[in-house]
N, C-alpha and C. Protein backbone atom coordinates (compact mmCIF):
# COMPACT_ATOMS: atom_id res chain seq x y z
N VAL A 1 75.64 -13.86 -70.66
CA VAL A 1 74.20 -14.06 -70.56
C VAL A 1 73.93 -15.41 -69.93
N ALA A 2 73.04 -15.39 -68.98
CA ALA A 2 72.68 -16.64 -68.30
C ALA A 2 72.06 -17.61 -69.31
N VAL A 3 72.38 -18.84 -69.21
CA VAL A 3 71.86 -19.90 -70.11
C VAL A 3 70.35 -19.84 -70.21
N SER A 4 69.68 -19.69 -69.13
CA SER A 4 68.18 -19.64 -69.20
C SER A 4 67.66 -18.42 -69.89
N ASP A 5 68.46 -17.38 -70.11
CA ASP A 5 68.02 -16.18 -70.81
C ASP A 5 68.47 -16.13 -72.26
N ARG A 6 69.17 -17.10 -72.72
CA ARG A 6 69.69 -17.08 -74.10
C ARG A 6 68.66 -17.40 -75.09
N SER A 7 68.68 -16.76 -76.24
CA SER A 7 67.78 -17.00 -77.35
C SER A 7 68.34 -18.10 -78.21
N ARG A 8 67.49 -18.96 -78.73
CA ARG A 8 67.95 -19.98 -79.65
C ARG A 8 67.96 -19.42 -81.07
N MET A 9 67.35 -18.31 -81.27
CA MET A 9 67.25 -17.68 -82.61
C MET A 9 68.27 -16.58 -82.80
N ASN A 10 68.78 -16.01 -81.75
CA ASN A 10 69.81 -14.98 -81.83
C ASN A 10 71.09 -15.52 -81.21
N VAL A 11 72.03 -15.83 -82.06
CA VAL A 11 73.28 -16.44 -81.57
C VAL A 11 74.28 -15.36 -81.35
N SER A 12 74.59 -15.05 -80.12
CA SER A 12 75.57 -14.04 -79.78
C SER A 12 76.94 -14.67 -79.58
N PHE A 13 77.96 -13.95 -80.03
CA PHE A 13 79.34 -14.46 -79.89
C PHE A 13 80.33 -13.32 -79.94
N THR A 14 81.46 -13.56 -79.36
CA THR A 14 82.54 -12.56 -79.37
C THR A 14 83.80 -13.19 -79.96
N LEU A 15 84.67 -12.35 -80.42
CA LEU A 15 85.96 -12.82 -80.96
C LEU A 15 86.97 -12.78 -79.82
N LYS A 16 87.98 -13.59 -79.97
CA LYS A 16 89.05 -13.63 -78.92
C LYS A 16 89.71 -12.26 -78.80
N ASP A 17 89.80 -11.55 -79.90
CA ASP A 17 90.40 -10.19 -79.94
C ASP A 17 89.34 -9.24 -80.42
N ALA A 18 88.84 -8.42 -79.49
CA ALA A 18 87.74 -7.50 -79.83
C ALA A 18 88.22 -6.44 -80.86
N ALA A 19 89.47 -6.29 -81.00
CA ALA A 19 89.99 -5.34 -81.99
C ALA A 19 89.67 -5.76 -83.46
N LEU A 20 89.31 -7.06 -83.64
CA LEU A 20 88.98 -7.62 -84.93
C LEU A 20 87.50 -7.51 -85.27
N ASP A 21 86.67 -7.01 -84.33
CA ASP A 21 85.29 -7.02 -84.57
C ASP A 21 84.90 -6.22 -85.83
N GLY A 22 85.48 -5.04 -86.01
CA GLY A 22 85.16 -4.22 -87.18
C GLY A 22 85.53 -4.93 -88.48
N ALA A 23 86.66 -5.57 -88.52
CA ALA A 23 87.13 -6.31 -89.71
C ALA A 23 86.19 -7.49 -89.96
N PHE A 24 85.77 -8.16 -88.90
CA PHE A 24 84.85 -9.28 -89.05
C PHE A 24 83.57 -8.82 -89.71
N VAL A 25 83.00 -7.79 -89.20
CA VAL A 25 81.70 -7.31 -89.71
C VAL A 25 81.83 -6.81 -91.16
N LYS A 26 82.92 -6.09 -91.44
CA LYS A 26 83.13 -5.55 -92.80
C LYS A 26 83.33 -6.67 -93.79
N GLN A 27 84.16 -7.67 -93.44
CA GLN A 27 84.42 -8.81 -94.35
C GLN A 27 83.16 -9.63 -94.54
N ALA A 28 82.40 -9.84 -93.44
CA ALA A 28 81.15 -10.56 -93.51
C ALA A 28 80.16 -9.88 -94.47
N GLU A 29 80.07 -8.55 -94.36
CA GLU A 29 79.15 -7.82 -95.26
C GLU A 29 79.60 -7.98 -96.72
N ALA A 30 80.88 -8.02 -96.95
CA ALA A 30 81.40 -8.20 -98.33
C ALA A 30 80.98 -9.55 -98.89
N MET A 31 80.75 -10.50 -98.04
CA MET A 31 80.35 -11.85 -98.39
C MET A 31 78.82 -11.96 -98.42
N GLY A 32 78.13 -10.90 -98.17
CA GLY A 32 76.67 -10.88 -98.17
C GLY A 32 76.07 -11.36 -96.81
N LEU A 33 76.88 -11.39 -95.80
CA LEU A 33 76.39 -11.78 -94.45
C LEU A 33 76.19 -10.48 -93.70
N LEU A 34 74.90 -10.12 -93.54
CA LEU A 34 74.51 -8.77 -93.05
C LEU A 34 74.00 -8.81 -91.63
N GLN A 35 74.04 -7.59 -91.03
CA GLN A 35 73.44 -7.38 -89.73
C GLN A 35 74.04 -8.28 -88.60
N LEU A 36 75.31 -8.43 -88.58
CA LEU A 36 75.97 -9.27 -87.60
C LEU A 36 76.48 -8.53 -86.39
N LYS A 37 76.53 -7.21 -86.51
CA LYS A 37 77.05 -6.42 -85.38
C LYS A 37 76.17 -6.64 -84.19
N GLY A 38 76.77 -6.86 -83.02
CA GLY A 38 75.99 -7.10 -81.79
C GLY A 38 75.34 -5.90 -81.24
N HIS A 39 74.66 -6.07 -80.15
CA HIS A 39 73.97 -4.94 -79.50
C HIS A 39 74.97 -3.92 -78.96
N ARG A 40 74.61 -2.66 -79.09
CA ARG A 40 75.57 -1.59 -78.74
C ARG A 40 76.05 -1.64 -77.32
N SER A 41 75.26 -2.13 -76.42
CA SER A 41 75.68 -2.19 -74.96
C SER A 41 76.45 -3.49 -74.64
N VAL A 42 76.30 -4.49 -75.53
CA VAL A 42 76.96 -5.77 -75.21
C VAL A 42 78.21 -5.94 -76.09
N GLY A 43 78.12 -5.51 -77.34
CA GLY A 43 79.26 -5.68 -78.22
C GLY A 43 79.25 -7.08 -78.88
N GLY A 44 80.36 -7.41 -79.47
CA GLY A 44 80.44 -8.70 -80.14
C GLY A 44 79.57 -8.74 -81.37
N MET A 45 79.13 -9.95 -81.71
CA MET A 45 78.31 -10.17 -82.85
C MET A 45 77.06 -10.89 -82.49
N ARG A 46 76.04 -10.83 -83.38
CA ARG A 46 74.81 -11.53 -83.15
C ARG A 46 74.24 -11.98 -84.50
N ALA A 47 74.03 -13.28 -84.67
CA ALA A 47 73.48 -13.78 -85.88
C ALA A 47 72.00 -14.19 -85.56
N SER A 48 71.10 -13.59 -86.27
CA SER A 48 69.66 -13.96 -86.13
C SER A 48 69.31 -15.01 -87.14
N ILE A 49 68.90 -16.14 -86.64
CA ILE A 49 68.57 -17.32 -87.51
C ILE A 49 67.13 -17.75 -87.33
N TYR A 50 66.25 -16.88 -87.66
CA TYR A 50 64.83 -17.19 -87.58
C TYR A 50 64.39 -18.10 -88.69
N ASN A 51 63.13 -18.49 -88.69
CA ASN A 51 62.60 -19.48 -89.66
C ASN A 51 62.89 -19.16 -91.08
N ALA A 52 62.96 -17.85 -91.44
CA ALA A 52 63.19 -17.41 -92.84
C ALA A 52 64.62 -17.67 -93.27
N MET A 53 65.56 -17.93 -92.33
CA MET A 53 66.95 -18.15 -92.62
C MET A 53 67.19 -19.56 -93.08
N PRO A 54 67.56 -19.75 -94.36
CA PRO A 54 67.76 -21.14 -94.82
C PRO A 54 69.01 -21.66 -94.26
N LEU A 55 69.10 -23.01 -94.23
CA LEU A 55 70.27 -23.73 -93.69
C LEU A 55 71.54 -23.27 -94.47
N GLU A 56 71.41 -22.97 -95.78
CA GLU A 56 72.55 -22.51 -96.53
C GLU A 56 73.10 -21.28 -96.02
N GLY A 57 72.22 -20.39 -95.48
CA GLY A 57 72.78 -19.13 -94.89
C GLY A 57 73.57 -19.36 -93.67
N VAL A 58 73.13 -20.27 -92.82
CA VAL A 58 73.90 -20.65 -91.66
C VAL A 58 75.20 -21.27 -92.05
N ALA A 59 75.18 -22.17 -93.04
CA ALA A 59 76.40 -22.83 -93.51
C ALA A 59 77.39 -21.77 -94.06
N ALA A 60 76.89 -20.75 -94.74
CA ALA A 60 77.76 -19.72 -95.28
C ALA A 60 78.41 -18.93 -94.18
N LEU A 61 77.66 -18.65 -93.10
CA LEU A 61 78.23 -17.97 -91.92
C LEU A 61 79.32 -18.81 -91.26
N VAL A 62 79.03 -20.08 -91.07
CA VAL A 62 80.01 -20.97 -90.46
C VAL A 62 81.30 -21.01 -91.32
N ALA A 63 81.15 -21.15 -92.59
CA ALA A 63 82.32 -21.18 -93.46
C ALA A 63 83.13 -19.90 -93.39
N PHE A 64 82.43 -18.80 -93.39
CA PHE A 64 83.12 -17.49 -93.26
C PHE A 64 83.85 -17.40 -91.90
N MET A 65 83.16 -17.77 -90.81
CA MET A 65 83.78 -17.72 -89.50
C MET A 65 85.05 -18.56 -89.43
N GLN A 66 85.02 -19.77 -90.03
CA GLN A 66 86.18 -20.66 -90.00
C GLN A 66 87.34 -20.02 -90.80
N GLN A 67 86.96 -19.42 -92.00
CA GLN A 67 88.00 -18.78 -92.80
C GLN A 67 88.60 -17.57 -92.06
N PHE A 68 87.78 -16.76 -91.44
CA PHE A 68 88.22 -15.59 -90.70
C PHE A 68 89.15 -16.01 -89.50
N ALA A 69 88.73 -17.07 -88.85
CA ALA A 69 89.57 -17.58 -87.69
C ALA A 69 90.90 -18.02 -88.22
N GLN A 70 91.00 -18.70 -89.34
CA GLN A 70 92.26 -19.17 -89.86
C GLN A 70 93.17 -17.99 -90.26
N GLN A 71 92.55 -16.97 -90.84
CA GLN A 71 93.32 -15.83 -91.30
C GLN A 71 93.78 -14.93 -90.19
N ASN A 72 93.11 -15.03 -89.03
CA ASN A 72 93.43 -14.06 -87.92
C ASN A 72 93.84 -14.72 -86.63
N SER A 73 94.30 -15.97 -86.73
CA SER A 73 94.74 -16.64 -85.51
C SER A 73 96.19 -16.54 -85.25
């Protein structure tokens, strides 16, 4: 996605190995991190961090992502 078209509220990202996408979403859901699956035509993941999302929610996602990366690298 072109930089000028990127949303600051919807953070899209992909994993190095797309085969891990399903495991990422499933494990995230088990941790209470919901609705991370990306758009069906784009794939990957998307975290929506609108005003109602507290900083603690973002920190929880970051911690989960770091843990997932360590376990799957």
